Amino acid sequence: MNGYCIEPRAKLRDANLAEADLTDAYLMNADLTGANLTGSDLSNADLTGANLTGSDLTSAVLYRAILSGADLTNAKLTNTYMTDTYMVGANLTGANLFAVNLHHVNLSNANLTGANLDTVSLFGVNLTGANLTGANLHNATCPNGKWHGTSGADC
C-alpha cells in the first residue's frame, strides 16, 4: 500500500483506506472492523480470516481476492467488483451486496443470512452449502434466469 508494509493480523480498525491500492496485500486475520475501503483495489489480496465487520467496500475491486472465513457481517459491498473471488465459509450476515456482479465467486458454506443480494448477477457462483435464510434475492439473475427459490440449488 503506497510503500507501506501491512503485516498479517494488522489492527486497522476504523482505518480510512479509501481508494487505496492494496493489490496483492497479505491481510490474513487482519482487523478491518469499520474500515473505509471505498474504491480500494484489493485484487489478489489474501484476507483469509480477516474481520471486516461493518466495513465499507463500496465500489472496491476484489478480483481474485481470497476471503475464506472472513467476517463481513453488515459490510457494505454495493457495486463491488468480484470476479474469481474465493469466499468459502465467509460470514456475510446482513451484508449489502446490492448490484454486485458475483462472477465465478466461490461462496460455498458461506453465511448470507439476511444479506441484501438485490439485483446481483450470480453467473458461475458456487453456493453449495451456503445459508441464504432471509436473504433478499429480488431481481437476482442466475445463469438459467431469475432466482426462484430459497437455496443455492435453485439458481
C-alpha atoms as a PDB file:
ATOM      1  CA  MET A   1       0.000   0.000   0.000  1.00  0.00           C
ATOM      2  CA  ASN A   2       1.833   3.043  -1.267  1.00  0.00           C
ATOM      3  CA  GLY A   3       5.186   1.932   0.133  1.00  0.00           C
ATOM      4  CA  TYR A   4       3.886   0.684   3.488  1.00  0.00           C
ATOM      5  CA  CYS A   5       4.145  -2.894   4.661  1.00  0.00           C
ATOM      6  CA  ILE A   6       0.964  -4.300   6.186  1.00  0.00           C
ATOM      7  CA  GLU A   7       1.561  -7.326   8.346  1.00  0.00           C
ATOM      8  CA  PRO A   8      -0.840 -10.254   8.837  1.00  0.00           C
ATOM      9  CA  ARG A   9      -3.106  -9.668  11.854  1.00  0.00           C
ATOM     10  CA  ALA A  10      -2.726  -5.928  11.356  1.00  0.00           C
ATOM     11  CA  LYS A  11      -5.008  -3.810  13.505  1.00  0.00           C
ATOM     12  CA  LEU A  12      -6.680  -1.435  11.058  1.00  0.00           C
ATOM     13  CA  ARG A  13      -9.951  -0.917  12.908  1.00  0.00           C
ATOM     14  CA  ASP A  14     -11.839   2.133  11.544  1.00  0.00           C
ATOM     15  CA  ALA A  15      -8.923   2.900   9.175  1.00  0.00           C
ATOM     16  CA  ASN A  16      -9.542   5.161   6.197  1.00  0.00           C
ATOM     17  CA  LEU A  17      -8.198   3.171   3.256  1.00  0.00           C
ATOM     18  CA  ALA A  18     -10.478   4.701   0.619  1.00  0.00           C
ATOM     19  CA  GLU A  19      -9.043   4.433  -2.910  1.00  0.00           C
ATOM     20  CA  ALA A  20      -6.005   2.539  -1.545  1.00  0.00           C
ATOM     21  CA  ASP A  21      -4.032   0.223  -3.809  1.00  0.00           C
ATOM     22  CA  LEU A  22      -3.946  -2.982  -1.783  1.00  0.00           C
ATOM     23  CA  THR A  23      -3.205  -5.234  -4.754  1.00  0.00           C
ATOM     24  CA  ASP A  24      -1.533  -8.483  -3.608  1.00  0.00           C
ATOM     25  CA  ALA A  25      -1.769  -7.383   0.043  1.00  0.00           C
ATOM     26  CA  TYR A  26      -1.372 -10.112   2.635  1.00  0.00           C
ATOM     27  CA  LEU A  27      -4.007  -9.279   5.268  1.00  0.00           C
ATOM     28  CA  MET A  28      -4.669 -12.669   6.834  1.00  0.00           C
ATOM     29  CA  ASN A  29      -6.605 -12.309  10.100  1.00  0.00           C
ATOM     30  CA  ALA A  30      -6.373  -8.505   9.924  1.00  0.00           C
ATOM     31  CA  ASP A  31      -8.832  -6.464  11.978  1.00  0.00           C
ATOM     32  CA  LEU A  32     -10.509  -4.131   9.477  1.00  0.00           C
ATOM     33  CA  THR A  33     -13.655  -3.649  11.547  1.00  0.00           C
ATOM     34  CA  GLY A  34     -15.446  -0.497  10.390  1.00  0.00           C
ATOM     35  CA  ALA A  35     -12.700   0.338   7.876  1.00  0.00           C
ATOM     36  CA  ASN A  36     -13.414   2.591   4.902  1.00  0.00           C
ATOM     37  CA  LEU A  37     -12.235   0.664   1.833  1.00  0.00           C
ATOM     38  CA  THR A  38     -14.436   2.533  -0.638  1.00  0.00           C
ATOM     39  CA  GLY A  39     -12.985   2.282  -4.143  1.00  0.00           C
ATOM     40  CA  SER A  40      -9.923   0.358  -2.949  1.00  0.00           C
ATOM     41  CA  ASP A  41      -8.203  -2.200  -5.156  1.00  0.00           C
ATOM     42  CA  LEU A  42      -7.860  -5.494  -3.310  1.00  0.00           C
ATOM     43  CA  SER A  43      -7.091  -7.592  -6.398  1.00  0.00           C
ATOM     44  CA  ASN A  44      -5.285 -10.813  -5.466  1.00  0.00           C
ATOM     45  CA  ALA A  45      -5.279  -9.770  -1.787  1.00  0.00           C
ATOM     46  CA  ASP A  46      -5.354 -12.502   0.853  1.00  0.00           C
ATOM     47  CA  LEU A  47      -7.913 -11.593   3.536  1.00  0.00           C
ATOM     48  CA  THR A  48      -8.325 -15.106   4.901  1.00  0.00           C
ATOM     49  CA  GLY A  49      -9.951 -14.897   8.335  1.00  0.00           C
ATOM     50  CA  ALA A  50      -9.978 -11.078   8.291  1.00  0.00           C
ATOM     51  CA  ASN A  51     -12.570  -9.194  10.322  1.00  0.00           C
ATOM     52  CA  LEU A  52     -14.359  -6.731   8.032  1.00  0.00           C
ATOM     53  CA  THR A  53     -17.451  -6.322  10.212  1.00  0.00           C
ATOM     54  CA  GLY A  54     -19.253  -3.102   9.299  1.00  0.00           C
ATOM     55  CA  SER A  55     -16.601  -2.135   6.752  1.00  0.00           C
ATOM     56  CA  ASP A  56     -17.451  -0.090   3.651  1.00  0.00           C
ATOM     57  CA  LEU A  57     -16.199  -1.739   0.472  1.00  0.00           C
ATOM     58  CA  THR A  58     -18.470   0.203  -1.888  1.00  0.00           C
ATOM     59  CA  SER A  59     -17.061   0.110  -5.439  1.00  0.00           C
ATOM     60  CA  ALA A  60     -13.967  -1.799  -4.272  1.00  0.00           C
ATOM     61  CA  VAL A  61     -12.230  -4.284  -6.577  1.00  0.00           C
ATOM     62  CA  LEU A  62     -11.961  -7.810  -5.172  1.00  0.00           C
ATOM     63  CA  TYR A  63     -10.724  -9.542  -8.336  1.00  0.00           C
ATOM     64  CA  ARG A  64      -9.269 -12.936  -7.375  1.00  0.00           C
ATOM     65  CA  ALA A  65      -9.187 -11.892  -3.713  1.00  0.00           C
ATOM     66  CA  ILE A  66      -9.253 -14.588  -1.033  1.00  0.00           C
ATOM     67  CA  LEU A  67     -11.739 -14.024   1.799  1.00  0.00           C
ATOM     68  CA  SER A  68     -12.089 -17.563   3.158  1.00  0.00           C
ATOM     69  CA  GLY A  69     -13.522 -17.483   6.647  1.00  0.00           C
ATOM     70  CA  ALA A  70     -13.585 -13.674   6.611  1.00  0.00           C
ATOM     71  CA  ASP A  71     -16.242 -11.907   8.691  1.00  0.00           C
ATOM     72  CA  LEU A  72     -18.142  -9.376   6.576  1.00  0.00           C
ATOM     73  CA  THR A  73     -21.127  -9.044   8.897  1.00  0.00           C
ATOM     74  CA  ASN A  74     -23.083  -5.889   7.993  1.00  0.00           C
ATOM     75  CA  ALA A  75     -20.415  -4.867   5.479  1.00  0.00           C
ATOM     76  CA  LYS A  76     -21.315  -2.601   2.538  1.00  0.00           C
ATOM     77  CA  LEU A  77     -20.306  -4.187  -0.752  1.00  0.00           C
ATOM     78  CA  THR A  78     -22.542  -2.164  -3.082  1.00  0.00           C
ATOM     79  CA  ASN A  79     -21.232  -2.083  -6.680  1.00  0.00           C
ATOM     80  CA  THR A  80     -18.145  -4.046  -5.638  1.00  0.00           C
ATOM     81  CA  TYR A  81     -16.323  -5.817  -8.483  1.00  0.00           C
ATOM     82  CA  MET A  82     -15.961  -9.508  -7.666  1.00  0.00           C
ATOM     83  CA  THR A  83     -14.712 -11.998 -10.218  1.00  0.00           C
ATOM     84  CA  ASP A  84     -12.964 -15.266  -9.352  1.00  0.00           C
ATOM     85  CA  THR A  85     -13.193 -14.262  -5.682  1.00  0.00           C
ATOM     86  CA  TYR A  86     -12.795 -17.060  -3.118  1.00  0.00           C
ATOM     87  CA  MET A  87     -15.146 -16.637  -0.134  1.00  0.00           C
ATOM     88  CA  VAL A  88     -15.550 -20.178   1.198  1.00  0.00           C
ATOM     89  CA  GLY A  89     -17.059 -20.110   4.682  1.00  0.00           C
ATOM     90  CA  ALA A  90     -17.225 -16.307   4.772  1.00  0.00           C
ATOM     91  CA  ASN A  91     -19.780 -14.671   7.075  1.00  0.00           C
ATOM     92  CA  LEU A  92     -21.871 -12.148   5.128  1.00  0.00           C
ATOM     93  CA  THR A  93     -24.728 -11.918   7.604  1.00  0.00           C
ATOM     94  CA  GLY A  94     -26.654  -8.706   6.937  1.00  0.00           C
ATOM     95  CA  ALA A  95     -24.145  -7.593   4.281  1.00  0.00           C
ATOM     96  CA  ASN A  96     -25.305  -5.278   1.492  1.00  0.00           C
ATOM     97  CA  LEU A  97     -24.301  -6.650  -1.913  1.00  0.00           C
ATOM     98  CA  PHE A  98     -26.720  -4.561  -3.981  1.00  0.00           C
ATOM     99  CA  ALA A  99     -25.939  -4.635  -7.723  1.00  0.00           C
ATOM    100  CA  VAL A 100     -22.771  -6.737  -7.360  1.00  0.00           C
ATOM    101  CA  ASN A 101     -21.678  -8.952 -10.248  1.00  0.00           C
ATOM    102  CA  LEU A 102     -20.635 -12.137  -8.492  1.00  0.00           C
ATOM    103  CA  HIS A 103     -18.953 -13.823 -11.456  1.00  0.00           C
ATOM    104  CA  HIS A 104     -17.313 -17.140 -10.638  1.00  0.00           C
ATOM    105  CA  VAL A 105     -17.297 -16.367  -6.907  1.00  0.00           C
ATOM    106  CA  ASN A 106     -16.995 -19.337  -4.569  1.00  0.00           C
ATOM    107  CA  LEU A 107     -19.471 -18.792  -1.722  1.00  0.00           C
ATOM    108  CA  SER A 108     -19.682 -22.433  -0.666  1.00  0.00           C
ATOM    109  CA  ASN A 109     -20.551 -22.807   3.013  1.00  0.00           C
ATOM    110  CA  ALA A 110     -20.871 -19.015   3.325  1.00  0.00           C
ATOM    111  CA  ASN A 111     -23.405 -17.474   5.695  1.00  0.00           C
ATOM    112  CA  LEU A 112     -25.588 -14.999   3.772  1.00  0.00           C
ATOM    113  CA  THR A 113     -28.348 -14.820   6.381  1.00  0.00           C
ATOM    114  CA  GLY A 114     -30.304 -11.597   5.899  1.00  0.00           C
ATOM    115  CA  ALA A 115     -27.902 -10.354   3.208  1.00  0.00           C
ATOM    116  CA  ASN A 116     -29.132  -7.938   0.553  1.00  0.00           C
ATOM    117  CA  LEU A 117     -28.491  -9.569  -2.825  1.00  0.00           C
ATOM    118  CA  ASP A 118     -30.945  -7.375  -4.713  1.00  0.00           C
ATOM    119  CA  THR A 119     -30.040  -7.053  -8.410  1.00  0.00           C
ATOM    120  CA  VAL A 120     -26.926  -9.269  -8.165  1.00  0.00           C
ATOM    121  CA  SER A 121     -25.663 -11.419 -11.011  1.00  0.00           C
ATOM    122  CA  LEU A 122     -24.868 -14.964  -9.879  1.00  0.00           C
ATOM    123  CA  PHE A 123     -23.126 -16.225 -13.027  1.00  0.00           C
ATOM    124  CA  GLY A 124     -20.906 -19.188 -12.178  1.00  0.00           C
ATOM    125  CA  VAL A 125     -21.321 -18.700  -8.415  1.00  0.00           C
ATOM    126  CA  ASN A 126     -20.830 -21.709  -6.139  1.00  0.00           C
ATOM    127  CA  LEU A 127     -23.477 -21.576  -3.403  1.00  0.00           C
ATOM    128  CA  THR A 128     -23.101 -25.191  -2.249  1.00  0.00           C
ATOM    129  CA  GLY A 129     -23.951 -25.357   1.446  1.00  0.00           C
ATOM    130  CA  ALA A 130     -24.482 -21.584   1.687  1.00  0.00           C
ATOM    131  CA  ASN A 131     -27.054 -20.307   4.183  1.00  0.00           C
ATOM    132  CA  LEU A 132     -29.422 -17.888   2.419  1.00  0.00           C
ATOM    133  CA  THR A 133     -32.051 -17.691   5.169  1.00  0.00           C
ATOM    134  CA  GLY A 134     -33.840 -14.352   4.955  1.00  0.00           C
ATOM    135  CA  ALA A 135     -31.605 -13.095   2.145  1.00  0.00           C
ATOM    136  CA  ASN A 136     -33.122 -10.585  -0.282  1.00  0.00           C
ATOM    137  CA  LEU A 137     -32.690 -12.001  -3.790  1.00  0.00           C
ATOM    138  CA  HIS A 138     -35.137  -9.644  -5.519  1.00  0.00           C
ATOM    139  CA  ASN A 139     -34.101  -9.230  -9.171  1.00  0.00           C
ATOM    140  CA  ALA A 140     -31.120 -11.568  -8.716  1.00  0.00           C
ATOM    141  CA  THR A 141     -30.024 -13.025 -12.035  1.00  0.00           C
ATOM    142  CA  CYS A 142     -28.941 -16.626 -12.314  1.00  0.00           C
ATOM    143  CA  PRO A 143     -27.291 -18.312 -15.316  1.00  0.00           C
ATOM    144  CA  ASN A 144     -30.612 -20.003 -16.079  1.00  0.00           C
ATOM    145  CA  GLY A 145     -32.771 -16.914 -15.485  1.00  0.00           C
ATOM    146  CA  LYS A 146     -34.177 -15.283 -12.347  1.00  0.00           C
ATOM    147  CA  TRP A 147     -33.864 -16.566  -8.813  1.00  0.00           C
ATOM    148  CA  HIS A 148     -36.855 -18.741  -7.943  1.00  0.00           C
ATOM    149  CA  GLY A 149     -36.172 -20.494  -4.691  1.00  0.00           C
ATOM    150  CA  THR A 150     -34.621 -20.486  -1.269  1.00  0.00           C
ATOM    151  CA  SER A 151     -31.357 -22.352  -1.708  1.00  0.00           C
ATOM    152  CA  GLY A 152     -28.298 -22.162  -3.897  1.00  0.00           C
ATOM    153  CA  ALA A 153     -29.557 -25.194  -5.782  1.00  0.00           C
ATOM    154  CA  ASP A 154     -32.438 -23.061  -7.089  1.00  0.00           C
ATOM    155  CA  CYS A 155     -30.160 -20.828  -9.162  1.00  0.00           C
END
